[in-house]
Amino acid sequence: MDALGEDAKAAASGEESVLAFDPFAHSQKPGAAARTVEKVTLERDTCLATMQNGHDVSVTAELERKDGGWRFVNFYYPPSGDKIPDLLGILKELANDRAFKKD
């Protein structure tokens, strides 16, 4: 999740157009409700884990097996109007916004 690291660097330097929510909890509240894993799908070296919080909001984490462990690849959120429904898509749009503002 290099894109998340780049976004964190931009936020630390005071740039605008950075992630404004916790991507794991899909919430703007620190320490948001704990998640319960509702469904896990495993296919070869990819795992999808759908999690539910106490507010009926589900997030699906995509993980990849690498170097003997698992790493997060992306998070998928419930559809909401014209909002981008996955973390990597959101981070890409924010990076594009920052690049546009520098020009």
Protein backbone atom coordinates (compact mmCIF):
# COMPACT_ATOMS: atom_id res chain seq x y z
CA MET A 1 0.00 0.00 0.00
CA ASP A 2 2.61 2.48 -1.15
CA ALA A 3 -0.15 4.93 -2.09
CA LEU A 4 -1.22 5.11 1.57
CA GLY A 5 2.35 5.94 2.60
CA GLU A 6 2.55 8.69 -0.02
CA ASP A 7 -0.73 10.14 1.24
CA ALA A 8 0.57 10.07 4.84
CA LYS A 9 3.71 11.98 3.75
CA ALA A 10 1.55 14.59 2.00
CA ALA A 11 -0.61 14.98 5.11
CA ALA A 12 2.48 15.34 7.33
CA SER A 13 3.81 18.11 5.09
CA GLY A 14 0.50 19.99 5.41
CA GLU A 15 -0.76 19.40 1.89
CA GLU A 16 -4.46 19.45 1.16
CA SER A 17 -6.27 16.69 -0.73
CA VAL A 18 -5.30 13.91 1.64
CA LEU A 19 -7.26 11.00 3.05
CA ALA A 20 -9.74 12.29 5.64
CA PHE A 21 -10.83 9.00 7.20
CA ASP A 22 -9.44 5.81 8.72
CA PRO A 23 -9.34 3.38 5.77
CA PHE A 24 -9.51 0.33 8.05
CA ALA A 25 -12.58 1.49 9.94
CA HIS A 26 -14.11 3.53 7.08
CA SER A 27 -14.78 6.24 9.64
CA GLN A 28 -13.66 9.74 10.55
CA LYS A 29 -13.93 8.91 14.25
CA PRO A 30 -10.72 7.75 15.93
CA GLY A 31 -11.21 4.38 17.59
CA ALA A 32 -14.34 3.63 15.58
CA ALA A 33 -16.37 0.57 16.48
CA ALA A 34 -14.62 -2.77 16.39
CA ARG A 35 -15.08 -4.89 13.31
CA THR A 36 -16.41 -8.40 13.10
CA VAL A 37 -15.32 -10.56 10.20
CA GLU A 38 -18.50 -11.78 8.52
CA LYS A 39 -17.19 -13.60 5.47
CA VAL A 40 -13.81 -14.79 4.18
CA THR A 41 -13.08 -15.94 0.65
CA LEU A 42 -9.70 -17.51 -0.07
CA GLU A 43 -8.47 -18.21 -3.58
CA ARG A 44 -4.80 -19.12 -4.06
CA ASP A 45 -2.79 -16.19 -2.66
CA THR A 46 -5.71 -13.74 -2.38
CA CYS A 47 -8.07 -13.36 0.54
CA LEU A 48 -11.19 -11.18 0.74
CA ALA A 49 -12.45 -10.54 4.26
CA THR A 50 -15.75 -8.71 4.65
CA MET A 51 -16.04 -6.96 7.99
CA GLN A 52 -19.01 -5.34 9.70
CA ASN A 53 -18.93 -2.63 12.35
CA GLY A 54 -21.58 -1.84 14.92
CA HIS A 55 -23.26 0.64 12.55
CA ASP A 56 -24.10 -1.79 9.72
CA VAL A 57 -21.27 -0.51 7.53
CA SER A 58 -19.31 -3.23 5.78
CA VAL A 59 -15.79 -3.00 4.43
CA THR A 60 -14.08 -5.71 2.42
CA ALA A 61 -10.34 -6.00 2.84
CA GLU A 62 -8.32 -7.58 0.06
CA LEU A 63 -5.15 -9.31 1.25
CA GLU A 64 -2.32 -10.95 -0.64
CA ARG A 65 -0.02 -13.71 0.59
CA LYS A 66 3.56 -12.52 0.27
CA ASP A 67 6.83 -13.66 1.84
CA GLY A 68 5.08 -16.11 4.15
CA GLY A 69 2.56 -13.59 5.50
CA TRP A 70 -0.44 -11.55 4.44
CA ARG A 71 -0.50 -7.88 3.45
CA PHE A 72 -3.37 -5.54 2.74
CA VAL A 73 -3.80 -4.72 -0.94
CA ASN A 74 -7.01 -2.67 -1.01
CA PHE A 75 -10.22 -1.91 0.87
CA TYR A 76 -13.65 -1.84 -0.77
CA TYR A 77 -16.42 0.33 0.68
CA PRO A 78 -20.20 0.38 0.25
CA PRO A 79 -21.32 2.32 -2.83
CA SER A 80 -22.36 5.89 -2.09
CA GLY A 81 -23.50 8.06 -4.97
CA ASP A 82 -20.62 8.91 -7.26
CA LYS A 83 -17.90 8.31 -4.64
CA ILE A 84 -15.04 5.98 -5.54
CA PRO A 85 -15.74 2.68 -3.73
CA ASP A 86 -12.18 1.52 -3.02
CA LEU A 87 -9.16 2.86 -1.13
CA LEU A 88 -6.65 2.69 -3.99
CA GLY A 89 -9.04 4.57 -6.27
CA ILE A 90 -9.55 7.26 -3.62
CA LEU A 91 -5.79 7.59 -3.03
CA LYS A 92 -5.16 7.87 -6.78
CA GLU A 93 -7.74 10.63 -7.11
CA LEU A 94 -6.22 12.52 -4.15
CA ALA A 95 -2.71 12.20 -5.62
CA ASN A 96 -4.00 13.54 -8.94
CA ASP A 97 -5.62 16.48 -7.11
CA ARG A 98 -2.34 17.28 -5.33
CA ALA A 99 -0.39 17.09 -8.61
CA PHE A 100 -2.92 19.36 -10.31
CA LYS A 101 -2.65 21.95 -7.51
CA LYS A 102 1.16 22.02 -7.85
CA ASP A 103 0.95 22.89 -11.54
